[in-house]
């Protein structure tokens, strides 16, 4: 029975990685490069092109694609393109959330995109809902596959955003 469980877990892990078309190591490298892409338009474009070519994207990969679309908006000088990229980014993020409503990292990516988008553009409609879902994850200590560093960084960002009540900050502070 234990052998069957181990085989099942290995098959699940392999199928999950195959479905995403990226290995665990490649995802770790992608996360590092996503941080660098915030200030590097060429890296943003190359990561976007790479992820866009992948078939059968997982919810997380779809979320990364949406985040890269938002970064393309940040790097664009043309106001029309900025709005077009942000609009597309939020559509892609909604698709990722529809694929996995319980994914802390995807919710956080959308929260951060909407947080940094000027509110007068009307693209920040999901901030309150995403904040609520993120805090719920912390309250229930339901972090899925998120690693300790991500859990800590999300909590810090949420507290620094000044969008959380004192009760929510108290929940998030437990994980710093």
N, C-alpha and C. Protein backbone atom coordinates (compact mmCIF):
# COMPACT_ATOMS: atom_id res chain seq x y z
N UNK A 1 0.82 -1.19 0.00
CA UNK A 1 0.00 0.00 0.00
C UNK A 1 0.87 1.26 0.00
N UNK A 2 1.95 1.26 0.78
CA UNK A 2 2.84 2.41 0.82
C UNK A 2 3.50 2.62 -0.54
N UNK A 3 3.89 1.52 -1.21
CA UNK A 3 4.51 1.64 -2.52
C UNK A 3 3.55 2.27 -3.53
N UNK A 4 2.29 1.90 -3.45
CA UNK A 4 1.30 2.45 -4.35
C UNK A 4 1.15 3.96 -4.11
N UNK A 5 1.14 4.36 -2.84
CA UNK A 5 1.04 5.79 -2.52
C UNK A 5 2.25 6.55 -3.04
N UNK A 6 3.44 5.99 -2.87
CA UNK A 6 4.66 6.64 -3.35
C UNK A 6 4.62 6.77 -4.86
N UNK A 7 4.23 5.70 -5.55
CA UNK A 7 4.14 5.75 -7.01
C UNK A 7 3.12 6.80 -7.44
N UNK A 8 1.97 6.83 -6.76
CA UNK A 8 0.94 7.82 -7.08
C UNK A 8 1.48 9.23 -6.90
N UNK A 9 2.16 9.48 -5.79
CA UNK A 9 2.71 10.82 -5.54
C UNK A 9 3.75 11.21 -6.58
N UNK A 10 4.60 10.26 -6.96
CA UNK A 10 5.60 10.54 -7.98
C UNK A 10 4.95 10.83 -9.33
N UNK A 11 3.94 10.05 -9.68
CA UNK A 11 3.24 10.28 -10.94
C UNK A 11 2.56 11.65 -10.93
N UNK A 12 1.95 12.00 -9.79
CA UNK A 12 1.31 13.30 -9.69
C UNK A 12 2.33 14.42 -9.85
N UNK A 13 3.46 14.29 -9.19
CA UNK A 13 4.50 15.32 -9.27
C UNK A 13 5.02 15.45 -10.70
N UNK A 14 5.26 14.32 -11.36
CA UNK A 14 5.76 14.35 -12.73
C UNK A 14 4.72 14.94 -13.67
N UNK A 15 3.46 14.54 -13.51
CA UNK A 15 2.42 15.07 -14.39
C UNK A 15 2.23 16.56 -14.17
N UNK A 16 2.35 17.01 -12.93
CA UNK A 16 2.19 18.43 -12.62
C UNK A 16 3.30 19.24 -13.29
N UNK A 17 4.51 18.77 -13.20
CA UNK A 17 5.64 19.47 -13.81
C UNK A 17 5.53 19.41 -15.33
N UNK A 18 5.14 18.26 -15.90
CA UNK A 18 4.98 18.12 -17.33
C UNK A 18 3.89 19.06 -17.84
N UNK A 19 2.81 19.14 -17.11
CA UNK A 19 1.71 20.01 -17.50
C UNK A 19 2.18 21.46 -17.57
N UNK A 20 2.99 21.86 -16.63
CA UNK A 20 3.47 23.24 -16.58
C UNK A 20 4.58 23.48 -17.59
N UNK A 21 5.23 22.43 -18.05
CA UNK A 21 6.35 22.52 -18.97
C UNK A 21 7.58 23.17 -18.34
N UNK A 22 7.58 23.33 -17.04
CA UNK A 22 8.73 23.87 -16.33
C UNK A 22 9.00 22.99 -15.11
N UNK A 23 10.27 22.73 -14.87
CA UNK A 23 10.64 21.94 -13.69
C UNK A 23 10.59 22.83 -12.45
N UNK A 24 10.69 22.21 -11.30
CA UNK A 24 10.71 22.96 -10.04
C UNK A 24 11.90 23.93 -10.03
N UNK A 25 13.03 23.47 -10.54
CA UNK A 25 14.22 24.33 -10.60
C UNK A 25 13.99 25.51 -11.54
N UNK A 26 13.36 25.24 -12.68
CA UNK A 26 13.08 26.32 -13.64
C UNK A 26 12.10 27.34 -13.05
N UNK A 27 11.15 26.88 -12.27
CA UNK A 27 10.21 27.80 -11.63
C UNK A 27 10.93 28.66 -10.60
N UNK A 28 11.87 28.06 -9.86
CA UNK A 28 12.65 28.83 -8.89
C UNK A 28 13.47 29.92 -9.60
N UNK A 29 14.06 29.56 -10.73
CA UNK A 29 14.84 30.53 -11.51
C UNK A 29 13.91 31.61 -12.08
N UNK A 30 12.73 31.19 -12.53
CA UNK A 30 11.75 32.14 -13.04
C UNK A 30 11.38 33.17 -11.99
N UNK A 31 11.17 32.72 -10.75
CA UNK A 31 10.82 33.65 -9.67
C UNK A 31 11.92 34.68 -9.45
N UNK A 32 13.16 34.24 -9.47
CA UNK A 32 14.30 35.16 -9.31
C UNK A 32 14.31 36.16 -10.46
N UNK A 33 14.10 35.66 -11.68
CA UNK A 33 14.11 36.54 -12.85
C UNK A 33 12.92 37.49 -12.88
N UNK A 34 11.79 37.07 -12.31
CA UNK A 34 10.62 37.96 -12.26
C UNK A 34 10.95 39.20 -11.43
N UNK A 35 11.68 39.02 -10.35
CA UNK A 35 12.08 40.16 -9.51
C UNK A 35 13.00 41.09 -10.31
N UNK A 36 13.93 40.50 -11.05
CA UNK A 36 14.85 41.30 -11.87
C UNK A 36 14.10 42.02 -12.99
N UNK A 37 13.05 41.39 -13.51
CA UNK A 37 12.30 41.95 -14.63
C UNK A 37 11.58 43.24 -14.27
N UNK A 38 11.36 43.47 -12.98
CA UNK A 38 10.70 44.71 -12.56
C UNK A 38 11.46 45.92 -13.08
N UNK A 39 12.77 45.83 -13.16
CA UNK A 39 13.59 46.96 -13.63
C UNK A 39 14.26 46.68 -14.97
N UNK A 40 13.89 45.59 -15.64
CA UNK A 40 14.59 45.21 -16.86
C UNK A 40 13.59 44.86 -17.97
N UNK A 41 13.31 45.80 -18.87
CA UNK A 41 12.32 45.55 -19.93
C UNK A 41 12.68 44.39 -20.86
N UNK A 42 13.97 44.24 -21.17
CA UNK A 42 14.38 43.15 -22.08
C UNK A 42 14.13 41.79 -21.42
N UNK A 43 14.44 41.68 -20.13
CA UNK A 43 14.19 40.43 -19.42
C UNK A 43 12.69 40.17 -19.34
N UNK A 44 11.90 41.22 -19.11
CA UNK A 44 10.44 41.09 -19.10
C UNK A 44 9.96 40.49 -20.41
N UNK A 45 10.42 41.05 -21.52
CA UNK A 45 10.00 40.57 -22.84
C UNK A 45 10.43 39.13 -23.10
N UNK A 46 11.65 38.77 -22.71
CA UNK A 46 12.12 37.41 -22.97
C UNK A 46 11.38 36.39 -22.09
N UNK A 47 11.13 36.73 -20.84
CA UNK A 47 10.36 35.82 -19.97
C UNK A 47 8.93 35.67 -20.49
N UNK A 48 8.34 36.78 -20.91
CA UNK A 48 6.97 36.74 -21.44
C UNK A 48 6.92 35.84 -22.67
N UNK A 49 7.88 36.00 -23.58
CA UNK A 49 7.91 35.19 -24.80
C UNK A 49 8.05 33.70 -24.45
N UNK A 50 8.92 33.40 -23.50
CA UNK A 50 9.13 32.01 -23.10
C UNK A 50 7.85 31.40 -22.52
N UNK A 51 7.22 32.12 -21.60
CA UNK A 51 6.01 31.58 -20.97
C UNK A 51 4.84 31.53 -21.95
N UNK A 52 4.78 32.48 -22.84
CA UNK A 52 3.68 32.53 -23.80
C UNK A 52 3.71 31.34 -24.75
N UNK A 53 4.89 30.78 -24.99
CA UNK A 53 5.03 29.63 -25.89
C UNK A 53 4.61 28.31 -25.24
N UNK A 54 4.54 28.28 -23.93
CA UNK A 54 4.24 27.02 -23.24
C UNK A 54 2.79 26.60 -23.48
N UNK A 55 2.61 25.32 -23.84
CA UNK A 55 1.24 24.82 -23.96
C UNK A 55 0.74 24.39 -22.58
N UNK A 56 -0.56 24.31 -22.43
CA UNK A 56 -1.16 23.75 -21.20
C UNK A 56 -0.62 24.41 -19.94
N UNK A 57 -0.68 25.71 -19.88
CA UNK A 57 -0.14 26.42 -18.72
C UNK A 57 -0.93 26.09 -17.46
N UNK A 58 -0.22 25.94 -16.36
CA UNK A 58 -0.86 25.80 -15.06
C UNK A 58 -1.38 27.16 -14.63
N UNK A 59 -2.14 27.18 -13.57
CA UNK A 59 -2.66 28.44 -13.03
C UNK A 59 -1.50 29.35 -12.64
N UNK A 60 -0.48 28.79 -12.01
CA UNK A 60 0.65 29.60 -11.56
C UNK A 60 1.41 30.21 -12.74
N UNK A 61 1.66 29.43 -13.77
CA UNK A 61 2.35 29.94 -14.96
C UNK A 61 1.49 31.01 -15.64
N UNK A 62 0.18 30.80 -15.67
CA UNK A 62 -0.73 31.81 -16.21
C UNK A 62 -0.62 33.10 -15.38
N UNK A 63 -0.54 32.95 -14.06
CA UNK A 63 -0.37 34.12 -13.19
C UNK A 63 0.94 34.85 -13.45
N UNK A 64 2.02 34.10 -13.65
CA UNK A 64 3.30 34.74 -13.97
C UNK A 64 3.19 35.49 -15.31
N UNK A 65 2.49 34.90 -16.26
CA UNK A 65 2.30 35.55 -17.56
C UNK A 65 1.56 36.87 -17.37
N UNK A 66 0.52 36.85 -16.56
CA UNK A 66 -0.23 38.07 -16.28
C UNK A 66 0.63 39.13 -15.59
N UNK A 67 1.48 38.69 -14.69
CA UNK A 67 2.39 39.63 -14.01
C UNK A 67 3.37 40.24 -15.01
N UNK A 68 3.85 39.43 -15.92
CA UNK A 68 4.77 39.96 -16.94
C UNK A 68 4.07 40.95 -17.86
N UNK A 69 2.78 40.73 -18.14
CA UNK A 69 2.03 41.70 -18.93
C UNK A 69 1.95 43.04 -18.19
N UNK A 70 1.76 42.98 -16.87
CA UNK A 70 1.75 44.20 -16.07
C UNK A 70 3.12 44.88 -16.11
N UNK A 71 4.18 44.11 -16.09
CA UNK A 71 5.52 44.69 -16.18
C UNK A 71 5.76 45.31 -17.55
N UNK A 72 5.18 44.72 -18.59
CA UNK A 72 5.28 45.32 -19.91
C UNK A 72 4.62 46.70 -19.89
N UNK A 73 3.51 46.83 -19.16
CA UNK A 73 2.86 48.13 -19.01
C UNK A 73 3.79 49.11 -18.30
N UNK A 74 4.43 48.65 -17.25
CA UNK A 74 5.35 49.50 -16.48
C UNK A 74 6.48 50.02 -17.38
N UNK A 75 6.98 49.16 -18.25
CA UNK A 75 8.13 49.52 -19.08
C UNK A 75 7.76 50.30 -20.34
N UNK A 76 6.49 50.30 -20.70
CA UNK A 76 6.07 50.98 -21.92
C UNK A 76 6.05 52.50 -21.71
N UNK A 77 6.43 53.24 -22.71
CA UNK A 77 6.39 54.70 -22.63
C UNK A 77 5.06 55.23 -23.15
N UNK A 78 4.38 54.44 -23.98
CA UNK A 78 3.14 54.85 -24.62
C UNK A 78 1.95 54.65 -23.68
N UNK A 79 1.22 55.71 -23.32
CA UNK A 79 0.09 55.58 -22.39
C UNK A 79 -0.98 54.59 -22.87
N UNK A 80 -1.25 54.58 -24.16
CA UNK A 80 -2.23 53.62 -24.70
C UNK A 80 -1.77 52.19 -24.44
N UNK A 81 -0.51 51.91 -24.73
CA UNK A 81 0.02 50.56 -24.50
C UNK A 81 0.02 50.19 -23.02
N UNK A 82 0.32 51.17 -22.17
CA UNK A 82 0.29 50.92 -20.72
C UNK A 82 -1.10 50.41 -20.30
N UNK A 83 -2.12 51.12 -20.72
CA UNK A 83 -3.49 50.73 -20.35
C UNK A 83 -3.86 49.39 -20.97
N UNK A 84 -3.48 49.19 -22.22
CA UNK A 84 -3.78 47.91 -22.90
C UNK A 84 -3.10 46.74 -22.18
N UNK A 85 -1.84 46.90 -21.81
CA UNK A 85 -1.12 45.83 -21.11
C UNK A 85 -1.72 45.55 -19.73
N UNK A 86 -2.07 46.60 -18.99
CA UNK A 86 -2.66 46.39 -17.66
C UNK A 86 -4.01 45.68 -17.80
N UNK A 87 -4.80 46.11 -18.75
CA UNK A 87 -6.10 45.48 -18.98
C UNK A 87 -5.93 44.00 -19.31
N UNK A 88 -5.01 43.69 -20.21
CA UNK A 88 -4.76 42.29 -20.57
C UNK A 88 -4.20 41.52 -19.37
N UNK A 89 -3.34 42.16 -18.61
CA UNK A 89 -2.76 41.52 -17.44
C UNK A 89 -3.84 41.07 -16.46
N UNK A 90 -4.80 41.95 -16.21
CA UNK A 90 -5.84 41.61 -15.25
C UNK A 90 -6.79 40.54 -15.78
N UNK A 91 -6.99 40.49 -17.09
CA UNK A 91 -7.76 39.39 -17.68
C UNK A 91 -7.02 38.07 -17.50
N UNK A 92 -5.72 38.10 -17.73
CA UNK A 92 -4.90 36.90 -17.56
C UNK A 92 -4.89 36.46 -16.10
N UNK A 93 -4.79 37.42 -15.19
CA UNK A 93 -4.80 37.09 -13.76
C UNK A 93 -6.14 36.49 -13.36
N UNK A 94 -7.23 36.99 -13.91
CA UNK A 94 -8.54 36.42 -13.60
C UNK A 94 -8.61 34.97 -14.09
N UNK A 95 -8.05 34.73 -15.26
CA UNK A 95 -8.01 33.37 -15.79
C UNK A 95 -7.24 32.45 -14.85
N UNK A 96 -6.10 32.93 -14.35
CA UNK A 96 -5.28 32.14 -13.41
C UNK A 96 -6.06 31.86 -12.12
N UNK A 97 -6.75 32.86 -11.62
CA UNK A 97 -7.54 32.69 -10.39
C UNK A 97 -8.70 31.74 -10.62
N UNK A 98 -9.32 31.83 -11.79
CA UNK A 98 -10.40 30.89 -12.11
C UNK A 98 -9.89 29.45 -12.17
N UNK A 99 -8.63 29.28 -12.55
CA UNK A 99 -8.02 27.95 -12.61
C UNK A 99 -7.68 27.42 -11.22
N UNK A 100 -7.34 28.34 -10.29
CA UNK A 100 -6.94 27.94 -8.93
C UNK A 100 -7.27 29.07 -7.96
N UNK A 101 -8.50 29.08 -7.49
CA UNK A 101 -8.99 30.15 -6.61
C UNK A 101 -8.27 30.19 -5.26
N UNK A 102 -7.66 29.11 -4.86
CA UNK A 102 -7.04 29.01 -3.54
C UNK A 102 -5.53 29.23 -3.54
N UNK A 103 -4.99 29.72 -4.63
CA UNK A 103 -3.54 29.89 -4.72
C UNK A 103 -3.13 31.25 -4.17
N UNK A 104 -2.43 31.22 -3.06
CA UNK A 104 -1.97 32.44 -2.39
C UNK A 104 -1.10 33.29 -3.30
N UNK A 105 -0.18 32.68 -4.00
CA UNK A 105 0.76 33.42 -4.84
C UNK A 105 0.05 34.16 -5.97
N UNK A 106 -0.93 33.52 -6.59
CA UNK A 106 -1.66 34.16 -7.68
C UNK A 106 -2.47 35.34 -7.14
N UNK A 107 -3.14 35.13 -6.01
CA UNK A 107 -3.91 36.22 -5.40
C UNK A 107 -2.99 37.40 -5.08
N UNK A 108 -1.80 37.08 -4.56
CA UNK A 108 -0.86 38.13 -4.21
C UNK A 108 -0.37 38.87 -5.46
N UNK A 109 -0.10 38.15 -6.54
CA UNK A 109 0.36 38.81 -7.76
C UNK A 109 -0.70 39.81 -8.25
N UNK A 110 -1.98 39.37 -8.25
CA UNK A 110 -3.02 40.30 -8.70
C UNK A 110 -3.15 41.48 -7.74
N UNK A 111 -3.08 41.20 -6.43
CA UNK A 111 -3.16 42.29 -5.45
C UNK A 111 -2.06 43.31 -5.72
N UNK A 112 -0.84 42.86 -5.93
CA UNK A 112 0.27 43.80 -6.12
C UNK A 112 0.13 44.57 -7.43
N UNK A 113 -0.38 43.93 -8.48
CA UNK A 113 -0.61 44.65 -9.75
C UNK A 113 -1.63 45.77 -9.53
N UNK A 114 -2.75 45.41 -8.90
CA UNK A 114 -3.80 46.41 -8.68
C UNK A 114 -3.36 47.48 -7.69
N UNK A 115 -2.54 47.10 -6.73
CA UNK A 115 -2.04 48.05 -5.74
C UNK A 115 -1.21 49.15 -6.42
N UNK A 116 -0.37 48.75 -7.38
CA UNK A 116 0.51 49.71 -8.04
C UNK A 116 -0.13 50.41 -9.25
N UNK A 117 -1.33 49.99 -9.64
CA UNK A 117 -2.02 50.64 -10.74
C UNK A 117 -2.80 51.83 -10.19
N UNK A 118 -2.64 53.01 -10.78
CA UNK A 118 -3.38 54.18 -10.28
C UNK A 118 -4.89 53.89 -10.22
N UNK A 119 -5.49 54.18 -9.09
CA UNK A 119 -6.89 53.82 -8.86
C UNK A 119 -7.84 54.53 -9.82
N UNK A 120 -7.48 55.73 -10.29
CA UNK A 120 -8.38 56.47 -11.19
C UNK A 120 -8.60 55.74 -12.52
N UNK A 121 -7.74 54.77 -12.84
CA UNK A 121 -7.92 54.00 -14.07
C UNK A 121 -9.03 52.96 -13.96
N UNK A 122 -9.43 52.66 -12.72
CA UNK A 122 -10.52 51.71 -12.52
C UNK A 122 -10.12 50.26 -12.61
N UNK A 123 -8.84 49.96 -12.50
CA UNK A 123 -8.36 48.58 -12.59
C UNK A 123 -8.15 47.92 -11.23
N UNK A 124 -8.48 48.61 -10.17
CA UNK A 124 -8.18 48.10 -8.83
C UNK A 124 -9.41 47.54 -8.12
N UNK A 125 -10.30 46.93 -8.87
CA UNK A 125 -11.58 46.48 -8.32
C UNK A 125 -11.49 45.22 -7.46
N UNK A 126 -10.41 44.48 -7.54
CA UNK A 126 -10.30 43.22 -6.80
C UNK A 126 -9.41 43.32 -5.56
N UNK A 127 -8.92 44.49 -5.26
CA UNK A 127 -8.00 44.67 -4.12
C UNK A 127 -8.60 44.12 -2.82
N UNK A 128 -9.81 44.54 -2.50
CA UNK A 128 -10.42 44.13 -1.23
C UNK A 128 -10.65 42.63 -1.17
N UNK A 129 -11.12 42.05 -2.27
CA UNK A 129 -11.37 40.60 -2.30
C UNK A 129 -10.06 39.82 -2.19
N UNK A 130 -9.03 40.25 -2.91
CA UNK A 130 -7.75 39.55 -2.84
C UNK A 130 -7.13 39.68 -1.45
N UNK A 131 -7.24 40.87 -0.86
CA UNK A 131 -6.73 41.06 0.51
C UNK A 131 -7.44 40.10 1.46
N UNK A 132 -8.74 40.02 1.34
CA UNK A 132 -9.52 39.12 2.19
C UNK A 132 -9.07 37.67 2.02
N UNK A 133 -8.88 37.24 0.79
CA UNK A 133 -8.44 35.86 0.52
C UNK A 133 -7.02 35.61 1.04
N UNK A 134 -6.15 36.58 0.86
CA UNK A 134 -4.77 36.42 1.33
C UNK A 134 -4.75 36.31 2.85
N UNK A 135 -5.45 37.19 3.52
CA UNK A 135 -5.50 37.15 4.99
C UNK A 135 -6.11 35.83 5.47
N UNK A 136 -7.12 35.35 4.74
CA UNK A 136 -7.74 34.06 5.09
C UNK A 136 -6.71 32.93 5.05
N UNK A 137 -5.84 32.96 4.05
CA UNK A 137 -4.77 31.95 3.95
C UNK A 137 -3.88 31.99 5.20
N UNK A 138 -3.55 33.19 5.63
CA UNK A 138 -2.69 33.35 6.81
C UNK A 138 -3.43 32.94 8.08
N UNK A 139 -4.68 33.28 8.16
CA UNK A 139 -5.47 32.94 9.34
C UNK A 139 -5.60 31.43 9.48
N UNK A 140 -5.79 30.75 8.35
CA UNK A 140 -5.95 29.28 8.35
C UNK A 140 -4.63 28.55 8.19
N UNK A 141 -3.55 29.30 8.02
CA UNK A 141 -2.22 28.74 7.75
C UNK A 141 -2.28 27.75 6.60
N UNK A 142 -2.97 28.17 5.55
CA UNK A 142 -3.15 27.38 4.34
C UNK A 142 -2.31 28.01 3.24
N UNK A 143 -1.07 27.54 3.13
CA UNK A 143 -0.13 28.16 2.21
C UNK A 143 0.15 27.33 0.96
N UNK A 144 -0.49 26.17 0.86
CA UNK A 144 -0.28 25.33 -0.32
C UNK A 144 1.18 25.02 -0.51
N UNK A 145 1.68 25.27 -1.71
CA UNK A 145 3.07 24.97 -2.04
C UNK A 145 4.01 26.16 -1.84
N UNK A 146 3.49 27.24 -1.29
CA UNK A 146 4.32 28.43 -1.08
C UNK A 146 5.43 28.14 -0.08
N UNK A 147 6.64 28.60 -0.41
CA UNK A 147 7.76 28.39 0.50
C UNK A 147 7.78 29.47 1.58
N UNK A 148 8.60 29.26 2.58
CA UNK A 148 8.66 30.15 3.75
C UNK A 148 9.00 31.59 3.36
N UNK A 149 9.91 31.76 2.42
CA UNK A 149 10.32 33.10 2.00
C UNK A 149 9.14 33.84 1.36
N UNK A 150 8.39 33.16 0.50
CA UNK A 150 7.23 33.78 -0.13
C UNK A 150 6.19 34.17 0.92
N UNK A 151 5.94 33.27 1.86
CA UNK A 151 4.96 33.53 2.93
C UNK A 151 5.34 34.79 3.71
N UNK A 152 6.61 34.90 4.04
CA UNK A 152 7.11 36.06 4.79
C UNK A 152 7.02 37.34 3.95
N UNK A 153 7.41 37.27 2.68
CA UNK A 153 7.41 38.45 1.82
C UNK A 153 6.00 38.96 1.54
N UNK A 154 5.07 38.03 1.36
CA UNK A 154 3.68 38.45 1.11
C UNK A 154 3.14 39.14 2.36
N UNK A 155 3.39 38.55 3.53
CA UNK A 155 2.91 39.16 4.77
C UNK A 155 3.48 40.57 4.94
N UNK A 156 4.76 40.72 4.67
CA UNK A 156 5.40 42.03 4.80
C UNK A 156 4.80 43.03 3.82
N UNK A 157 4.61 42.63 2.58
CA UNK A 157 4.03 43.52 1.58
C UNK A 157 2.62 43.94 1.99
N UNK A 158 1.83 42.99 2.45
CA UNK A 158 0.45 43.28 2.83
C UNK A 158 0.42 44.30 3.98
N UNK A 159 1.29 44.11 4.95
CA UNK A 159 1.35 45.05 6.08
C UNK A 159 1.80 46.42 5.60
N UNK A 160 2.85 46.46 4.78
CA UNK A 160 3.37 47.72 4.26
C UNK A 160 2.40 48.44 3.33
N UNK A 161 1.48 47.70 2.74
CA UNK A 161 0.52 48.31 1.80
C UNK A 161 -0.45 49.26 2.49
N UNK A 162 -0.60 49.11 3.79
CA UNK A 162 -1.54 49.94 4.58
C UNK A 162 -2.99 49.69 4.17
N UNK A 163 -3.25 48.55 3.55
CA UNK A 163 -4.61 48.19 3.13
C UNK A 163 -5.28 47.28 4.15
N UNK A 164 -4.53 46.86 5.17
CA UNK A 164 -5.04 45.89 6.14
C UNK A 164 -5.45 46.57 7.45
N UNK A 165 -6.49 46.03 8.05
CA UNK A 165 -6.92 46.52 9.35
C UNK A 165 -5.93 46.07 10.41
N UNK A 166 -6.05 46.59 11.62
CA UNK A 166 -5.13 46.20 12.69
C UNK A 166 -5.29 44.71 13.01
N UNK A 167 -6.50 44.18 12.94
CA UNK A 167 -6.72 42.75 13.19
C UNK A 167 -6.05 41.90 12.10
N UNK A 168 -6.11 42.37 10.85
CA UNK A 168 -5.46 41.65 9.76
C UNK A 168 -3.94 41.72 9.88
N UNK A 169 -3.44 42.87 10.27
CA UNK A 169 -1.99 43.02 10.47
C UNK A 169 -1.52 42.06 11.55
N UNK A 170 -2.29 41.91 12.59
CA UNK A 170 -1.94 40.99 13.68
C UNK A 170 -1.83 39.55 13.17
N UNK A 171 -2.75 39.14 12.30
CA UNK A 171 -2.70 37.80 11.72
C UNK A 171 -1.45 37.64 10.85
N UNK A 172 -1.17 38.64 10.03
CA UNK A 172 -0.04 38.57 9.11
C UNK A 172 1.29 38.61 9.86
N UNK A 173 1.37 39.38 10.93
CA UNK A 173 2.62 39.55 11.69
C UNK A 173 3.11 38.23 12.27
N UNK A 174 2.22 37.32 12.54
CA UNK A 174 2.61 36.02 13.10
C UNK A 174 3.51 35.23 12.16
N UNK A 175 3.54 35.63 10.89
CA UNK A 175 4.29 34.87 9.89
C UNK A 175 5.50 35.61 9.36
N UNK A 176 5.92 36.64 10.07
CA UNK A 176 7.13 37.36 9.65
C UNK A 176 8.37 36.71 10.20
